[in-house]
N, C-alpha and C. Protein backbone atom coordinates (compact mmCIF):
# COMPACT_ATOMS: atom_id res chain seq x y z
N UNK A 1 27.16 7.10 -16.73
CA UNK A 1 26.08 7.95 -16.84
C UNK A 1 25.35 8.02 -15.74
N UNK A 2 25.10 9.69 -16.06
CA UNK A 2 24.26 10.29 -14.04
C UNK A 2 23.47 9.34 -14.25
N UNK A 3 22.06 9.62 -12.52
CA UNK A 3 21.51 9.12 -12.78
C UNK A 3 20.82 10.30 -12.10
N UNK A 4 19.21 10.10 -12.57
CA UNK A 4 18.80 11.38 -12.61
C UNK A 4 17.51 10.63 -11.49
N UNK A 5 16.97 12.29 -10.71
CA UNK A 5 16.16 11.96 -10.20
C UNK A 5 14.71 11.24 -10.46
N UNK A 6 14.26 11.30 -11.34
CA UNK A 6 13.25 10.13 -11.50
C UNK A 6 13.98 9.19 -11.96
N UNK A 7 14.86 8.92 -12.31
CA UNK A 7 15.28 7.32 -11.50
C UNK A 7 15.18 6.51 -10.15
N UNK A 8 15.38 7.25 -9.25
CA UNK A 8 15.01 6.87 -8.42
C UNK A 8 13.97 7.21 -8.04
N UNK A 9 12.95 7.57 -8.06
CA UNK A 9 11.91 7.67 -7.82
C UNK A 9 10.84 5.99 -8.26
N UNK A 10 11.45 6.59 -9.75
CA UNK A 10 11.18 5.25 -10.69
C UNK A 10 11.78 3.84 -9.11
N UNK A 11 12.68 4.27 -9.46
CA UNK A 11 13.33 2.94 -8.46
C UNK A 11 12.17 2.24 -7.44
N UNK A 12 12.37 3.47 -6.57
CA UNK A 12 10.61 2.96 -5.33
C UNK A 12 9.72 2.15 -6.22
N UNK A 13 9.08 2.83 -7.23
CA UNK A 13 7.78 2.42 -8.07
C UNK A 13 8.26 0.73 -8.29
N UNK A 14 8.74 0.66 -8.59
CA UNK A 14 9.64 -0.17 -9.15
C UNK A 14 9.64 -1.30 -7.98
N UNK A 15 10.11 -1.18 -7.46
CA UNK A 15 9.90 -1.61 -6.21
C UNK A 15 8.77 -2.58 -5.25
N UNK A 16 8.23 -1.55 -5.58
CA UNK A 16 6.40 -1.14 -4.97
C UNK A 16 5.67 -2.33 -5.74
N UNK A 17 6.47 -2.92 -7.62
CA UNK A 17 5.73 -3.64 -8.08
C UNK A 17 6.15 -4.91 -7.91
N UNK A 18 7.15 -4.58 -7.27
CA UNK A 18 7.38 -6.34 -7.17
C UNK A 18 7.43 -6.95 -5.33
N UNK A 19 5.85 -6.77 -5.44
CA UNK A 19 6.07 -7.48 -3.52
C UNK A 19 6.47 -8.52 -3.44
N UNK A 20 7.65 -8.66 -2.07
CA UNK A 20 8.28 -9.72 -1.66
C UNK A 20 7.76 -10.26 0.03
N UNK A 21 8.31 -11.72 0.53
CA UNK A 21 7.77 -12.02 1.51
C UNK A 21 9.61 -12.17 2.27
N UNK A 22 9.89 -11.47 3.52
CA UNK A 22 9.13 -11.45 4.19
C UNK A 22 8.57 -9.87 3.93
N UNK A 23 7.51 -9.62 4.62
CA UNK A 23 6.62 -8.48 3.98
C UNK A 23 7.27 -7.27 4.73
N UNK A 24 8.02 -7.05 6.31
CA UNK A 24 8.30 -6.31 7.45
C UNK A 24 9.73 -6.18 6.45
N UNK A 25 10.62 -7.08 5.79
CA UNK A 25 12.04 -6.28 5.22
C UNK A 25 11.25 -5.56 3.66
N UNK A 26 10.45 -5.77 3.04
CA UNK A 26 10.10 -5.02 1.77
C UNK A 26 9.35 -3.71 2.27
N UNK A 27 8.72 -3.53 3.32
CA UNK A 27 8.01 -2.36 3.99
C UNK A 27 9.46 -0.91 4.26
N UNK A 28 10.29 -2.35 4.92
CA UNK A 28 11.42 -1.44 5.54
C UNK A 28 12.40 -0.40 3.90
N UNK A 29 12.55 -1.52 3.01
CA UNK A 29 12.92 -0.90 1.88
C UNK A 29 12.09 0.20 1.54
N UNK A 30 11.12 0.13 1.34
CA UNK A 30 9.55 0.89 0.17
C UNK A 30 10.22 2.64 0.85
N UNK A 31 10.20 2.48 2.10
CA UNK A 31 10.35 3.01 3.45
C UNK A 31 11.74 4.22 3.38
N UNK A 32 12.56 3.00 2.90
CA UNK A 32 14.05 3.71 2.63
C UNK A 32 14.23 3.93 1.24
N UNK A 33 13.77 3.72 0.47
CA UNK A 33 14.16 4.04 -1.24
C UNK A 33 13.54 5.25 -1.69
N UNK A 34 11.85 5.68 -1.01
CA UNK A 34 11.06 6.34 -1.09
C UNK A 34 12.08 7.45 -0.17
N UNK A 35 12.40 7.11 0.65
CA UNK A 35 13.41 9.06 2.03
C UNK A 35 13.91 9.16 0.86
N UNK A 36 15.19 7.97 0.26
CA UNK A 36 16.27 8.92 -0.31
C UNK A 36 15.76 9.29 -1.34
N UNK A 37 14.59 8.89 -2.15
CA UNK A 37 14.01 10.07 -3.27
C UNK A 37 13.61 11.07 -3.05
N UNK A 38 13.45 11.14 -2.55
CA UNK A 38 12.61 12.57 -1.79
C UNK A 38 14.31 13.85 -0.74
N UNK A 39 14.95 12.67 -0.38
CA UNK A 39 16.21 13.51 -0.01
C UNK A 39 17.47 13.61 -0.93
N UNK A 40 17.48 13.11 -2.10
CA UNK A 40 18.36 13.64 -3.13
C UNK A 40 17.77 14.69 -4.06
N UNK A 41 16.12 14.75 -3.70
CA UNK A 41 15.55 16.02 -4.34
C UNK A 41 15.69 16.83 -3.62
N UNK A 42 15.60 16.67 -2.63
CA UNK A 42 15.81 18.15 -1.69
C UNK A 42 17.35 18.13 -1.94
N UNK A 43 18.53 17.70 -1.79
CA UNK A 43 19.91 18.31 -1.89
C UNK A 43 20.04 19.24 -3.28
N UNK A 44 19.53 18.72 -3.98
CA UNK A 44 19.56 19.05 -5.78
C UNK A 44 19.41 20.06 -4.99
N UNK A 45 18.21 20.69 -4.59
CA UNK A 45 17.35 22.08 -4.63
C UNK A 45 17.96 22.68 -4.05
N UNK A 46 18.84 22.50 -2.78
CA UNK A 46 19.77 23.47 -1.84
C UNK A 46 21.03 23.35 -2.36
N UNK A 47 21.70 22.69 -3.28
CA UNK A 47 23.02 22.72 -3.47
C UNK A 47 23.01 23.92 -4.95
N UNK A 48 21.99 23.22 -5.86
CA UNK A 48 21.78 24.73 -7.21
C UNK A 48 21.80 26.69 -6.01
N UNK A 49 22.89 26.65 -6.94
CA UNK A 49 23.52 28.12 -6.22
C UNK A 49 21.53 29.31 -6.42
N UNK A 50 20.89 28.88 -7.42
CA UNK A 50 19.89 30.03 -8.19
C UNK A 50 18.96 30.17 -6.88
N UNK A 51 18.78 28.97 -6.09
CA UNK A 51 17.86 28.80 -5.29
C UNK A 51 18.08 30.17 -3.71
N UNK A 52 19.08 30.25 -3.82
CA UNK A 52 19.38 31.27 -2.62
C UNK A 52 19.86 30.53 -1.12
N UNK A 53 19.25 29.26 -1.12
CA UNK A 53 19.56 28.80 0.07
C UNK A 53 20.79 28.44 0.83
N UNK A 54 21.23 28.42 1.80
CA UNK A 54 22.30 29.11 2.52
C UNK A 54 22.32 27.12 3.05
N UNK A 55 23.65 25.75 2.84
CA UNK A 55 23.28 24.91 3.62
C UNK A 55 23.68 25.17 5.36
N UNK A 56 22.86 24.86 5.94
CA UNK A 56 22.97 25.62 7.41
C UNK A 56 23.64 23.80 8.58
N UNK A 57 25.02 24.27 8.59
CA UNK A 57 25.90 22.78 9.26
C UNK A 57 25.81 22.76 10.40
N UNK A 58 25.20 23.82 11.70
CA UNK A 58 25.36 23.67 12.83
C UNK A 58 23.86 24.67 13.32
N UNK A 59 23.67 24.76 14.76
CA UNK A 59 22.80 25.59 15.07
C UNK A 59 23.68 25.92 16.05
N UNK A 60 23.50 26.67 17.10
CA UNK A 60 24.52 27.71 18.50
C UNK A 60 24.54 26.16 19.44
N UNK A 61 23.92 24.92 19.34
CA UNK A 61 24.70 24.09 20.16
C UNK A 61 25.09 22.91 19.94
N UNK A 62 25.32 22.20 17.99
CA UNK A 62 25.83 21.11 18.22
C UNK A 62 25.67 21.70 16.45
N UNK A 63 26.63 20.42 16.08
CA UNK A 63 26.87 20.62 13.90
C UNK A 63 25.19 19.44 14.27
N UNK A 64 25.06 19.51 12.62
CA UNK A 64 24.13 18.63 12.48
C UNK A 64 25.03 17.36 11.37
N UNK A 65 24.10 16.72 10.96
CA UNK A 65 24.20 14.95 10.79
C UNK A 65 23.65 15.66 9.32
N UNK A 66 24.57 14.93 8.24
CA UNK A 66 24.61 15.41 7.30
C UNK A 66 23.29 15.16 6.68
N UNK A 67 22.66 14.38 6.74
CA UNK A 67 20.70 14.58 6.59
C UNK A 67 20.02 16.27 6.94
N UNK A 68 20.40 15.86 8.42
CA UNK A 68 19.75 16.87 8.74
C UNK A 68 20.07 18.39 9.00
N UNK A 69 21.86 18.71 7.76
CA UNK A 69 21.79 20.18 6.97
C UNK A 69 20.39 20.50 6.41
N UNK A 70 19.97 19.54 5.45
CA UNK A 70 19.40 19.49 4.49
C UNK A 70 18.12 19.84 5.02
N UNK A 71 17.32 18.65 5.79
CA UNK A 71 15.67 19.45 5.72
C UNK A 71 15.76 20.78 6.96
N UNK A 72 16.87 21.49 7.97
CA UNK A 72 17.00 22.24 8.77
C UNK A 72 16.98 23.43 7.52
N UNK A 73 17.96 23.00 6.72
CA UNK A 73 18.19 24.64 5.55
C UNK A 73 16.66 24.45 4.98
N UNK A 74 16.70 23.75 4.50
CA UNK A 74 14.28 24.32 4.27
C UNK A 74 14.06 24.58 4.37
N UNK A 75 13.87 24.14 6.26
CA UNK A 75 12.92 24.01 7.52
C UNK A 75 13.12 25.87 7.19
N UNK A 76 14.04 26.37 7.62
CA UNK A 76 14.66 28.27 7.59
C UNK A 76 14.55 28.74 6.63
N UNK A 77 14.18 28.20 5.60
CA UNK A 77 14.69 28.97 4.13
C UNK A 77 12.89 30.15 3.88
N UNK A 78 12.83 31.22 2.95
CA UNK A 78 12.15 32.19 3.01
C UNK A 78 10.92 31.31 2.02
N UNK A 79 10.36 30.39 1.61
CA UNK A 79 10.27 29.67 0.40
C UNK A 79 8.85 28.83 1.90
N UNK A 80 7.89 29.56 1.53
CA UNK A 80 6.77 28.22 2.89
C UNK A 80 6.55 26.73 1.94
N UNK A 81 6.88 26.75 0.86
CA UNK A 81 7.14 25.46 0.37
C UNK A 81 7.72 24.56 0.96
N UNK A 82 9.13 25.12 0.78
CA UNK A 82 10.42 24.39 0.80
C UNK A 82 10.69 23.76 2.14
N UNK A 83 10.09 25.27 3.30
CA UNK A 83 9.67 24.94 4.90
C UNK A 83 9.10 23.19 5.18
N UNK A 84 7.90 23.25 4.47
CA UNK A 84 6.68 22.34 4.72
C UNK A 84 7.81 20.91 4.40
N UNK A 85 8.53 21.38 2.73
CA UNK A 85 9.01 20.08 2.60
C UNK A 85 10.20 20.28 3.59
N UNK A 86 11.15 20.73 4.32
CA UNK A 86 11.55 20.73 5.56
C UNK A 86 10.96 19.74 6.06
N UNK A 87 10.19 20.30 7.00
CA UNK A 87 9.55 19.55 8.16
C UNK A 87 8.95 18.29 8.16
N UNK A 88 8.67 17.53 6.77
CA UNK A 88 7.70 16.65 6.03
C UNK A 88 9.19 15.72 5.98
N UNK A 89 10.45 16.31 5.24
CA UNK A 89 11.98 15.60 5.38
C UNK A 89 12.11 15.08 6.30
N UNK A 90 12.02 15.76 7.23
CA UNK A 90 12.27 15.55 8.66
C UNK A 90 11.77 14.29 9.28
N UNK A 91 10.67 13.75 9.18
CA UNK A 91 10.19 13.29 9.67
C UNK A 91 9.63 11.73 9.10
N UNK A 92 10.46 12.25 7.79
CA UNK A 92 10.07 10.69 6.48
C UNK A 92 11.82 10.19 7.38
N UNK A 93 12.56 11.24 7.79
CA UNK A 93 13.85 11.17 8.02
C UNK A 93 14.09 9.79 9.35
N UNK A 94 13.20 10.13 10.07
CA UNK A 94 12.76 9.62 11.01
C UNK A 94 12.22 8.18 10.89
N UNK A 95 11.25 8.10 10.11
CA UNK A 95 10.68 7.15 9.83
C UNK A 95 11.80 6.12 8.63
N UNK A 96 13.01 6.60 8.22
CA UNK A 96 13.35 6.03 7.46
C UNK A 96 14.75 5.32 7.89
N UNK A 97 14.89 6.06 9.31
CA UNK A 97 15.66 5.39 10.49
C UNK A 97 14.75 4.33 11.01
N UNK A 98 13.88 4.65 11.49
CA UNK A 98 13.71 3.13 12.25
C UNK A 98 12.96 2.04 10.95
N UNK A 99 12.79 2.76 9.61
CA UNK A 99 13.02 1.65 9.22
C UNK A 99 14.30 0.94 8.41
N UNK A 100 15.61 1.45 8.36
CA UNK A 100 16.74 1.03 8.37
C UNK A 100 17.66 0.29 9.27
N UNK A 101 17.49 0.92 10.61
CA UNK A 101 18.21 0.64 12.21
C UNK A 101 17.68 0.04 13.52
N UNK A 102 16.58 0.27 13.17
CA UNK A 102 15.34 0.12 14.32
C UNK A 102 14.79 -1.61 14.27
N UNK A 103 15.26 -2.31 14.17
CA UNK A 103 15.34 -3.94 13.62
C UNK A 103 14.59 -4.08 14.62
N UNK A 104 13.68 -4.69 16.41
CA UNK A 104 13.51 -4.83 16.74
C UNK A 104 12.20 -4.62 16.72
N UNK A 105 11.98 -3.09 16.55
CA UNK A 105 10.20 -2.18 16.28
C UNK A 105 9.71 -2.61 14.89
N UNK A 106 8.82 -3.00 15.37
CA UNK A 106 7.72 -3.18 14.05
C UNK A 106 7.33 -1.69 13.44
N UNK A 107 8.22 -2.00 12.18
CA UNK A 107 7.23 -1.08 10.60
C UNK A 107 5.62 -1.52 10.47
N UNK A 108 4.71 -0.25 10.11
CA UNK A 108 3.59 -1.14 10.72
C UNK A 108 3.15 -0.12 9.22
N UNK A 109 1.80 -0.77 8.55
CA UNK A 109 0.82 0.06 7.43
C UNK A 109 1.03 1.12 7.96
N UNK A 110 0.72 1.61 8.52
CA UNK A 110 0.01 2.78 9.31
C UNK A 110 2.12 4.14 8.59
N UNK A 111 3.24 3.05 9.38
CA UNK A 111 3.88 3.55 8.87
C UNK A 111 4.06 3.91 7.64
N UNK A 112 4.09 2.71 6.87
CA UNK A 112 4.41 3.03 5.43
C UNK A 112 3.50 3.62 4.78
N UNK A 113 2.49 3.94 4.60
CA UNK A 113 1.39 4.61 4.30
C UNK A 113 1.73 6.19 4.53
N UNK A 114 2.23 6.40 6.00
CA UNK A 114 2.82 7.93 6.21
C UNK A 114 4.18 8.37 5.55
N UNK A 115 4.87 7.22 5.07
CA UNK A 115 5.81 7.66 4.08
C UNK A 115 5.96 7.71 2.83
N UNK A 116 5.22 6.97 2.41
CA UNK A 116 4.59 7.73 0.90
C UNK A 116 3.77 8.61 0.81
N UNK A 117 2.81 9.03 1.81
CA UNK A 117 2.38 10.36 2.52
C UNK A 117 3.85 11.72 1.86
N UNK A 118 4.22 11.19 2.58
CA UNK A 118 5.79 12.34 2.52
C UNK A 118 6.30 12.07 1.34
N UNK A 119 6.72 11.43 1.01
CA UNK A 119 7.12 11.09 -0.40
C UNK A 119 6.22 11.75 -1.37
N UNK A 120 4.89 11.95 -1.39
CA UNK A 120 3.79 12.28 -2.53
C UNK A 120 3.80 14.02 -2.47
N UNK A 121 3.62 14.33 -1.41
CA UNK A 121 4.04 15.88 -0.61
C UNK A 121 5.12 16.02 -0.88
N UNK A 122 5.84 15.88 -0.77
CA UNK A 122 7.69 16.71 -0.73
C UNK A 122 7.94 16.94 -2.22
N UNK A 123 7.57 15.41 -3.24
CA UNK A 123 8.05 15.52 -4.57
C UNK A 123 7.05 16.25 -5.18
N UNK A 124 5.48 16.49 -4.72
CA UNK A 124 4.99 17.51 -5.73
C UNK A 124 5.57 19.36 -5.18
N UNK A 125 5.35 19.45 -3.79
CA UNK A 125 5.85 20.75 -3.90
C UNK A 125 7.55 20.72 -4.17
N UNK A 126 8.29 20.45 -4.20
CA UNK A 126 9.62 20.01 -5.35
C UNK A 126 9.28 20.48 -6.22
N UNK A 127 8.73 19.48 -6.56
CA UNK A 127 8.69 19.87 -8.01
C UNK A 127 7.75 20.72 -8.83
N UNK A 128 6.60 22.16 -8.15
CA UNK A 128 6.62 23.02 -7.89
C UNK A 128 6.83 23.86 -7.93
N UNK A 129 8.44 24.26 -6.46
CA UNK A 129 8.97 24.69 -6.43
C UNK A 129 10.07 25.14 -7.58
N UNK A 130 10.84 23.78 -8.04
CA UNK A 130 11.94 23.81 -9.15
C UNK A 130 11.75 23.88 -10.50
N UNK A 131 10.34 23.20 -11.15
CA UNK A 131 10.04 23.81 -12.04
C UNK A 131 8.51 24.03 -12.71
N UNK A 132 7.37 24.33 -11.66
CA UNK A 132 6.34 25.21 -11.98
C UNK A 132 5.68 24.33 -11.69
N UNK A 133 6.14 23.19 -12.27
CA UNK A 133 5.16 21.71 -12.95
C UNK A 133 5.97 20.10 -12.19
N UNK A 134 4.97 19.62 -13.10
CA UNK A 134 5.16 17.78 -12.49
C UNK A 134 6.42 17.27 -13.08
N UNK A 135 6.85 16.18 -12.77
CA UNK A 135 8.06 16.14 -13.37
C UNK A 135 9.12 16.08 -13.58
N UNK A 136 9.76 16.45 -12.85
CA UNK A 136 11.37 17.24 -13.09
C UNK A 136 12.38 16.08 -13.52
N UNK A 137 13.01 17.23 -14.44
CA UNK A 137 14.41 16.34 -14.95
C UNK A 137 15.21 17.00 -14.42
N UNK A 138 15.72 17.04 -13.34
CA UNK A 138 17.51 17.28 -12.50
C UNK A 138 18.06 15.70 -12.31
N UNK A 139 19.34 16.51 -12.71
CA UNK A 139 20.43 15.42 -12.58
C UNK A 139 21.14 15.29 -10.77
N UNK A 140 21.08 14.30 -10.48
CA UNK A 140 21.54 14.51 -9.05
C UNK A 140 22.77 14.34 -9.32
N UNK A 141 23.73 15.72 -8.69
CA UNK A 141 25.42 15.53 -8.75
C UNK A 141 25.20 15.02 -7.45
N UNK A 142 25.94 13.40 -7.48
CA UNK A 142 26.46 12.66 -6.40
C UNK A 142 28.03 13.21 -5.52
N UNK A 143 28.41 14.11 -6.53
CA UNK A 143 29.64 14.22 -5.71
C UNK A 143 29.41 15.02 -4.43
N UNK A 144 28.11 15.68 -4.32
CA UNK A 144 27.72 17.31 -3.13
C UNK A 144 27.06 16.28 -2.24
N UNK A 145 26.41 15.22 -2.55
CA UNK A 145 25.78 14.45 -1.45
C UNK A 145 26.51 13.37 -0.57
N UNK A 146 26.32 13.81 1.05
CA UNK A 146 26.87 12.89 1.84
C UNK A 146 25.60 12.25 2.67
N UNK A 147 26.30 11.28 2.75
CA UNK A 147 24.81 10.12 3.77
C UNK A 147 25.52 9.40 5.36
N UNK A 148 24.43 9.56 5.37
CA UNK A 148 24.58 8.92 7.14
C UNK A 148 24.89 7.60 7.46
């Protein structure tokens, strides 16, 4: 059974409802799952040919990473809302990397608040772009998504 974008957002909500210790690990998990919900949605938008967004894989100096391709593509598209999503997703990606890989750096409550802000703002902007309303029902095509 395919996974829907709503399922990924719901997973993050369910994790949030079940606090556990240690708090640091819990906060890192929330940041990571929230980021991947937004990233999956962004991939679905970029990969949908009807939106006319070209997947940009490199600039004149270097090739982009798998996540970077998507937010750079959004940042360079002609829709201001999606440009804003790309900018926020880039910042969210930095927080996600801190949460997943920089284990000696403390993830603060401010980091978690910022991640939640990015999650809500990105979802709202993408919902409007795709459906003109909230709560989209996109199906995630996992064969088109590569992760770092």
